[in-house]
Amino acid sequence: MDGKTVKENKAEIVVVVIALLAFVIGLVGHLAGASFANFDTFGYIAAPIPLILGIIVLISYKVAASAEK
């Protein structure tokens, strides 16, 4: 069984950091969407969260795929 290369290790760390970032953004979006506060700014925060998470997933996929080459 071969060990991982430095590039693979670095890519794994980057993907984990990106996953944590996606979790935090999702949590903020969830809290903003579920907030009972009567402010429009919460809606402005929560509305683009699916798009932002999609972009983060795409970046994470590209980073993981580049490590396999």
PDB file of N, CA and C in Angstrom:
ATOM      1  N   MET A   1       0.843  -1.168   0.000  1.00  0.00           N
ATOM      2  CA  MET A   1       0.000   0.000   0.000  1.00  0.00           C
ATOM      3  C   MET A   1       0.889   1.232   0.000  1.00  0.00           C
ATOM      4  N   ASP A   2       0.635   2.118  -0.932  1.00  0.00           N
ATOM      5  CA  ASP A   2       1.455   3.306  -1.056  1.00  0.00           C
ATOM      6  C   ASP A   2       0.963   4.404  -0.114  1.00  0.00           C
ATOM      7  N   GLY A   3       1.938   5.213   0.336  1.00  0.00           N
ATOM      8  CA  GLY A   3       1.580   6.364   1.156  1.00  0.00           C
ATOM      9  C   GLY A   3       1.083   7.511   0.297  1.00  0.00           C
ATOM     10  N   LYS A   4       0.535   8.482   0.944  1.00  0.00           N
ATOM     11  CA  LYS A   4       0.024   9.639   0.219  1.00  0.00           C
ATOM     12  C   LYS A   4       1.163  10.598  -0.090  1.00  0.00           C
ATOM     13  N   THR A   5       1.027  11.275  -1.194  1.00  0.00           N
ATOM     14  CA  THR A   5       2.027  12.255  -1.570  1.00  0.00           C
ATOM     15  C   THR A   5       1.744  13.570  -0.836  1.00  0.00           C
ATOM     16  N   VAL A   6       2.696  14.463  -0.893  1.00  0.00           N
ATOM     17  CA  VAL A   6       2.534  15.769  -0.256  1.00  0.00           C
ATOM     18  C   VAL A   6       1.374  16.530  -0.888  1.00  0.00           C
ATOM     19  N   LYS A   7       1.239  16.409  -2.187  1.00  0.00           N
ATOM     20  CA  LYS A   7       0.147  17.091  -2.889  1.00  0.00           C
ATOM     21  C   LYS A   7      -1.211  16.567  -2.430  1.00  0.00           C
ATOM     22  N   GLU A   8      -1.329  15.258  -2.238  1.00  0.00           N
ATOM     23  CA  GLU A   8      -2.589  14.678  -1.772  1.00  0.00           C
ATOM     24  C   GLU A   8      -2.907  15.118  -0.348  1.00  0.00           C
ATOM     25  N   ASN A   9      -1.881  15.156   0.511  1.00  0.00           N
ATOM     26  CA  ASN A   9      -2.104  15.606   1.886  1.00  0.00           C
ATOM     27  C   ASN A   9      -2.558  17.060   1.929  1.00  0.00           C
ATOM     28  N   LYS A  10      -1.911  17.903   1.134  1.00  0.00           N
ATOM     29  CA  LYS A  10      -2.272  19.313   1.102  1.00  0.00           C
ATOM     30  C   LYS A  10      -3.694  19.493   0.564  1.00  0.00           C
ATOM     31  N   ALA A  11      -4.052  18.714  -0.449  1.00  0.00           N
ATOM     32  CA  ALA A  11      -5.393  18.806  -1.020  1.00  0.00           C
ATOM     33  C   ALA A  11      -6.447  18.371  -0.005  1.00  0.00           C
ATOM     34  N   GLU A  12      -6.149  17.344   0.778  1.00  0.00           N
ATOM     35  CA  GLU A  12      -7.095  16.902   1.798  1.00  0.00           C
ATOM     36  C   GLU A  12      -7.327  17.987   2.838  1.00  0.00           C
ATOM     37  N   ILE A  13      -6.270  18.653   3.245  1.00  0.00           N
ATOM     38  CA  ILE A  13      -6.401  19.731   4.227  1.00  0.00           C
ATOM     39  C   ILE A  13      -7.233  20.871   3.645  1.00  0.00           C
ATOM     40  N   VAL A  14      -6.975  21.209   2.390  1.00  0.00           N
ATOM     41  CA  VAL A  14      -7.738  22.282   1.743  1.00  0.00           C
ATOM     42  C   VAL A  14      -9.207  21.908   1.649  1.00  0.00           C
ATOM     43  N   VAL A  15      -9.512  20.677   1.293  1.00  0.00           N
ATOM     44  CA  VAL A  15     -10.904  20.241   1.172  1.00  0.00           C
ATOM     45  C   VAL A  15     -11.589  20.259   2.539  1.00  0.00           C
ATOM     46  N   VAL A  16     -10.885  19.872   3.589  1.00  0.00           N
ATOM     47  CA  VAL A  16     -11.473  19.911   4.936  1.00  0.00           C
ATOM     48  C   VAL A  16     -11.757  21.354   5.351  1.00  0.00           C
ATOM     49  N   VAL A  17     -10.840  22.250   5.067  1.00  0.00           N
ATOM     50  CA  VAL A  17     -11.061  23.663   5.394  1.00  0.00           C
ATOM     51  C   VAL A  17     -12.248  24.214   4.597  1.00  0.00           C
ATOM     52  N   ILE A  18     -12.346  23.843   3.335  1.00  0.00           N
ATOM     53  CA  ILE A  18     -13.475  24.283   2.523  1.00  0.00           C
ATOM     54  C   ILE A  18     -14.787  23.703   3.068  1.00  0.00           C
ATOM     55  N   ALA A  19     -14.762  22.463   3.524  1.00  0.00           N
ATOM     56  CA  ALA A  19     -15.963  21.858   4.106  1.00  0.00           C
ATOM     57  C   ALA A  19     -16.387  22.586   5.377  1.00  0.00           C
ATOM     58  N   LEU A  20     -15.417  22.971   6.197  1.00  0.00           N
ATOM     59  CA  LEU A  20     -15.744  23.732   7.404  1.00  0.00           C
ATOM     60  C   LEU A  20     -16.320  25.103   7.047  1.00  0.00           C
ATOM     61  N   LEU A  21     -15.768  25.723   6.030  1.00  0.00           N
ATOM     62  CA  LEU A  21     -16.286  27.007   5.569  1.00  0.00           C
ATOM     63  C   LEU A  21     -17.726  26.853   5.076  1.00  0.00           C
ATOM     64  N   ALA A  22     -17.993  25.805   4.330  1.00  0.00           N
ATOM     65  CA  ALA A  22     -19.352  25.552   3.846  1.00  0.00           C
ATOM     66  C   ALA A  22     -20.306  25.308   5.010  1.00  0.00           C
ATOM     67  N   PHE A  23     -19.845  24.609   6.034  1.00  0.00           N
ATOM     68  CA  PHE A  23     -20.674  24.362   7.212  1.00  0.00           C
ATOM     69  C   PHE A  23     -21.032  25.666   7.909  1.00  0.00           C
ATOM     70  N   VAL A  24     -20.045  26.531   8.082  1.00  0.00           N
ATOM     71  CA  VAL A  24     -20.283  27.809   8.753  1.00  0.00           C
ATOM     72  C   VAL A  24     -21.241  28.677   7.936  1.00  0.00           C
ATOM     73  N   ILE A  25     -21.038  28.722   6.617  1.00  0.00           N
ATOM     74  CA  ILE A  25     -21.929  29.515   5.771  1.00  0.00           C
ATOM     75  C   ILE A  25     -23.348  28.948   5.802  1.00  0.00           C
ATOM     76  N   GLY A  26     -23.473  27.632   5.768  1.00  0.00           N
ATOM     77  CA  GLY A  26     -24.790  27.007   5.877  1.00  0.00           C
ATOM     78  C   GLY A  26     -25.453  27.289   7.209  1.00  0.00           C
ATOM     79  N   LEU A  27     -24.665  27.278   8.279  1.00  0.00           N
ATOM     80  CA  LEU A  27     -25.193  27.571   9.608  1.00  0.00           C
ATOM     81  C   LEU A  27     -25.678  29.009   9.696  1.00  0.00           C
ATOM     82  N   VAL A  28     -24.903  29.935   9.156  1.00  0.00           N
ATOM     83  CA  VAL A  28     -25.316  31.339   9.149  1.00  0.00           C
ATOM     84  C   VAL A  28     -26.588  31.505   8.329  1.00  0.00           C
ATOM     85  N   GLY A  29     -26.659  30.867   7.179  1.00  0.00           N
ATOM     86  CA  GLY A  29     -27.864  30.945   6.356  1.00  0.00           C
ATOM     87  C   GLY A  29     -29.074  30.358   7.052  1.00  0.00           C
ATOM     88  N   HIS A  30     -28.860  29.250   7.747  1.00  0.00           N
ATOM     89  CA  HIS A  30     -29.955  28.616   8.462  1.00  0.00           C
ATOM     90  C   HIS A  30     -30.451  29.516   9.589  1.00  0.00           C
ATOM     91  N   LEU A  31     -29.523  30.060  10.348  1.00  0.00           N
ATOM     92  CA  LEU A  31     -29.916  30.935  11.454  1.00  0.00           C
ATOM     93  C   LEU A  31     -30.585  32.209  10.941  1.00  0.00           C
ATOM     94  N   ALA A  32     -30.080  32.724   9.833  1.00  0.00           N
ATOM     95  CA  ALA A  32     -30.689  33.928   9.276  1.00  0.00           C
ATOM     96  C   ALA A  32     -32.079  33.627   8.737  1.00  0.00           C
ATOM     97  N   GLY A  33     -32.245  32.474   8.125  1.00  0.00           N
ATOM     98  CA  GLY A  33     -33.557  32.111   7.599  1.00  0.00           C
ATOM     99  C   GLY A  33     -34.555  31.777   8.682  1.00  0.00           C
ATOM    100  N   ALA A  34     -34.081  31.224   9.773  1.00  0.00           N
ATOM    101  CA  ALA A  34     -34.978  30.804  10.848  1.00  0.00           C
ATOM    102  C   ALA A  34     -35.173  31.888  11.902  1.00  0.00           C
ATOM    103  N   SER A  35     -34.533  33.011  11.691  1.00  0.00           N
ATOM    104  CA  SER A  35     -34.617  34.076  12.684  1.00  0.00           C
ATOM    105  C   SER A  35     -36.013  34.684  12.679  1.00  0.00           C
ATOM    106  N   PHE A  36     -36.464  35.018  13.850  1.00  0.00           N
ATOM    107  CA  PHE A  36     -37.760  35.666  13.972  1.00  0.00           C
ATOM    108  C   PHE A  36     -37.627  37.183  14.041  1.00  0.00           C
ATOM    109  N   ALA A  37     -36.412  37.669  13.860  1.00  0.00           N
ATOM    110  CA  ALA A  37     -36.199  39.108  13.871  1.00  0.00           C
ATOM    111  C   ALA A  37     -36.905  39.738  12.671  1.00  0.00           C
ATOM    112  N   ASN A  38     -37.379  40.906  12.851  1.00  0.00           N
ATOM    113  CA  ASN A  38     -38.160  41.569  11.810  1.00  0.00           C
ATOM    114  C   ASN A  38     -37.273  42.543  11.021  1.00  0.00           C
ATOM    115  N   PHE A  39     -36.213  42.019  10.442  1.00  0.00           N
ATOM    116  CA  PHE A  39     -35.296  42.839   9.663  1.00  0.00           C
ATOM    117  C   PHE A  39     -35.127  42.226   8.280  1.00  0.00           C
ATOM    118  N   ASP A  40     -35.061  43.057   7.261  1.00  0.00           N
ATOM    119  CA  ASP A  40     -34.860  42.578   5.897  1.00  0.00           C
ATOM    120  C   ASP A  40     -33.454  42.053   5.668  1.00  0.00           C
ATOM    121  N   THR A  41     -32.496  42.483   6.479  1.00  0.00           N
ATOM    122  CA  THR A  41     -31.107  42.081   6.250  1.00  0.00           C
ATOM    123  C   THR A  41     -30.927  40.576   6.417  1.00  0.00           C
ATOM    124  N   PHE A  42     -31.723  39.937   7.267  1.00  0.00           N
ATOM    125  CA  PHE A  42     -31.609  38.491   7.423  1.00  0.00           C
ATOM    126  C   PHE A  42     -31.980  37.774   6.136  1.00  0.00           C
ATOM    127  N   GLY A  43     -32.978  38.266   5.441  1.00  0.00           N
ATOM    128  CA  GLY A  43     -33.357  37.681   4.153  1.00  0.00           C
ATOM    129  C   GLY A  43     -32.285  37.882   3.110  1.00  0.00           C
ATOM    130  N   TYR A  44     -31.638  39.037   3.145  1.00  0.00           N
ATOM    131  CA  TYR A  44     -30.559  39.301   2.192  1.00  0.00           C
ATOM    132  C   TYR A  44     -29.360  38.385   2.447  1.00  0.00           C
ATOM    133  N   ILE A  45     -29.151  38.013   3.690  1.00  0.00           N
ATOM    134  CA  ILE A  45     -28.055  37.092   4.026  1.00  0.00           C
ATOM    135  C   ILE A  45     -28.423  35.667   3.616  1.00  0.00           C
ATOM    136  N   ALA A  46     -29.658  35.259   3.880  1.00  0.00           N
ATOM    137  CA  ALA A  46     -30.058  33.868   3.671  1.00  0.00           C
ATOM    138  C   ALA A  46     -30.313  33.533   2.203  1.00  0.00           C
ATOM    139  N   ALA A  47     -30.717  34.500   1.405  1.00  0.00           N
ATOM    140  CA  ALA A  47     -31.110  34.217   0.027  1.00  0.00           C
ATOM    141  C   ALA A  47     -29.997  33.621  -0.839  1.00  0.00           C
ATOM    142  N   PRO A  48     -28.770  34.144  -0.821  1.00  0.00           N
ATOM    143  CA  PRO A  48     -27.748  33.600  -1.730  1.00  0.00           C
ATOM    144  C   PRO A  48     -26.991  32.389  -1.181  1.00  0.00           C
ATOM    145  N   ILE A  49     -27.369  31.877  -0.038  1.00  0.00           N
ATOM    146  CA  ILE A  49     -26.617  30.778   0.584  1.00  0.00           C
ATOM    147  C   ILE A  49     -26.552  29.540  -0.313  1.00  0.00           C
ATOM    148  N   PRO A  50     -27.624  29.082  -0.961  1.00  0.00           N
ATOM    149  CA  PRO A  50     -27.494  27.901  -1.837  1.00  0.00           C
ATOM    150  C   PRO A  50     -26.502  28.114  -2.986  1.00  0.00           C
ATOM    151  N   LEU A  51     -26.504  29.308  -3.567  1.00  0.00           N
ATOM    152  CA  LEU A  51     -25.555  29.603  -4.640  1.00  0.00           C
ATOM    153  C   LEU A  51     -24.121  29.585  -4.118  1.00  0.00           C
ATOM    154  N   ILE A  52     -23.897  30.196  -2.975  1.00  0.00           N
ATOM    155  CA  ILE A  52     -22.550  30.226  -2.386  1.00  0.00           C
ATOM    156  C   ILE A  52     -22.085  28.817  -2.059  1.00  0.00           C
ATOM    157  N   LEU A  53     -22.963  28.001  -1.492  1.00  0.00           N
ATOM    158  CA  LEU A  53     -22.591  26.617  -1.167  1.00  0.00           C
ATOM    159  C   LEU A  53     -22.301  25.809  -2.428  1.00  0.00           C
ATOM    160  N   GLY A  54     -23.059  26.048  -3.487  1.00  0.00           N
ATOM    161  CA  GLY A  54     -22.786  25.371  -4.755  1.00  0.00           C
ATOM    162  C   GLY A  54     -21.421  25.728  -5.311  1.00  0.00           C
ATOM    163  N   ILE A  55     -21.051  26.984  -5.234  1.00  0.00           N
ATOM    164  CA  ILE A  55     -19.731  27.414  -5.698  1.00  0.00           C
ATOM    165  C   ILE A  55     -18.636  26.788  -4.850  1.00  0.00           C
ATOM    166  N   ILE A  56     -18.853  26.727  -3.535  1.00  0.00           N
ATOM    167  CA  ILE A  56     -17.863  26.118  -2.643  1.00  0.00           C
ATOM    168  C   ILE A  56     -17.706  24.633  -2.955  1.00  0.00           C
ATOM    169  N   VAL A  57     -18.801  23.944  -3.217  1.00  0.00           N
ATOM    170  CA  VAL A  57     -18.730  22.515  -3.565  1.00  0.00           C
ATOM    171  C   VAL A  57     -17.956  22.322  -4.864  1.00  0.00           C
ATOM    172  N   LEU A  58     -18.200  23.169  -5.845  1.00  0.00           N
ATOM    173  CA  LEU A  58     -17.483  23.079  -7.114  1.00  0.00           C
ATOM    174  C   LEU A  58     -15.980  23.296  -6.921  1.00  0.00           C
ATOM    175  N   ILE A  59     -15.613  24.283  -6.134  1.00  0.00           N
ATOM    176  CA  ILE A  59     -14.191  24.537  -5.858  1.00  0.00           C
ATOM    177  C   ILE A  59     -13.567  23.350  -5.138  1.00  0.00           C
ATOM    178  N   SER A  60     -14.286  22.806  -4.163  1.00  0.00           N
ATOM    179  CA  SER A  60     -13.777  21.654  -3.419  1.00  0.00           C
ATOM    180  C   SER A  60     -13.577  20.456  -4.334  1.00  0.00           C
ATOM    181  N   TYR A  61     -14.519  20.227  -5.247  1.00  0.00           N
ATOM    182  CA  TYR A  61     -14.403  19.126  -6.194  1.00  0.00           C
ATOM    183  C   TYR A  61     -13.181  19.306  -7.097  1.00  0.00           C
ATOM    184  N   LYS A  62     -12.976  20.524  -7.568  1.00  0.00           N
ATOM    185  CA  LYS A  62     -11.834  20.801  -8.445  1.00  0.00           C
ATOM    186  C   LYS A  62     -10.510  20.589  -7.704  1.00  0.00           C
ATOM    187  N   VAL A  63     -10.453  20.999  -6.451  1.00  0.00           N
ATOM    188  CA  VAL A  63      -9.233  20.807  -5.659  1.00  0.00           C
ATOM    189  C   VAL A  63      -8.972  19.333  -5.436  1.00  0.00           C
ATOM    190  N   ALA A  64     -10.010  18.578  -5.091  1.00  0.00           N
ATOM    191  CA  ALA A  64      -9.844  17.142  -4.868  1.00  0.00           C
ATOM    192  C   ALA A  64      -9.462  16.410  -6.153  1.00  0.00           C
ATOM    193  N   ALA A  65     -10.037  16.820  -7.275  1.00  0.00           N
ATOM    194  CA  ALA A  65      -9.720  16.168  -8.540  1.00  0.00           C
ATOM    195  C   ALA A  65      -8.300  16.476  -8.990  1.00  0.00           C
ATOM    196  N   SER A  66      -7.826  17.669  -8.692  1.00  0.00           N
ATOM    197  CA  SER A  66      -6.458  18.016  -9.098  1.00  0.00           C
ATOM    198  C   SER A  66      -5.412  17.262  -8.281  1.00  0.00           C
ATOM    199  N   ALA A  67      -5.771  16.834  -7.082  1.00  0.00           N
ATOM    200  CA  ALA A  67      -4.827  16.083  -6.254  1.00  0.00           C
ATOM    201  C   ALA A  67      -4.648  14.659  -6.755  1.00  0.00           C
ATOM    202  N   GLU A  68      -5.623  14.144  -7.476  1.00  0.00           N
ATOM    203  CA  GLU A  68      -5.546  12.761  -7.952  1.00  0.00           C
ATOM    204  C   GLU A  68      -4.669  12.620  -9.184  1.00  0.00           C
ATOM    205  N   LYS A  69      -4.384  13.707  -9.850  1.00  0.00           N
ATOM    206  CA  LYS A  69      -3.593  13.644 -11.089  1.00  0.00           C
ATOM    207  C   LYS A  69      -2.123  13.497 -10.784  1.00  0.00           C
TER     208      LYS A  69
END
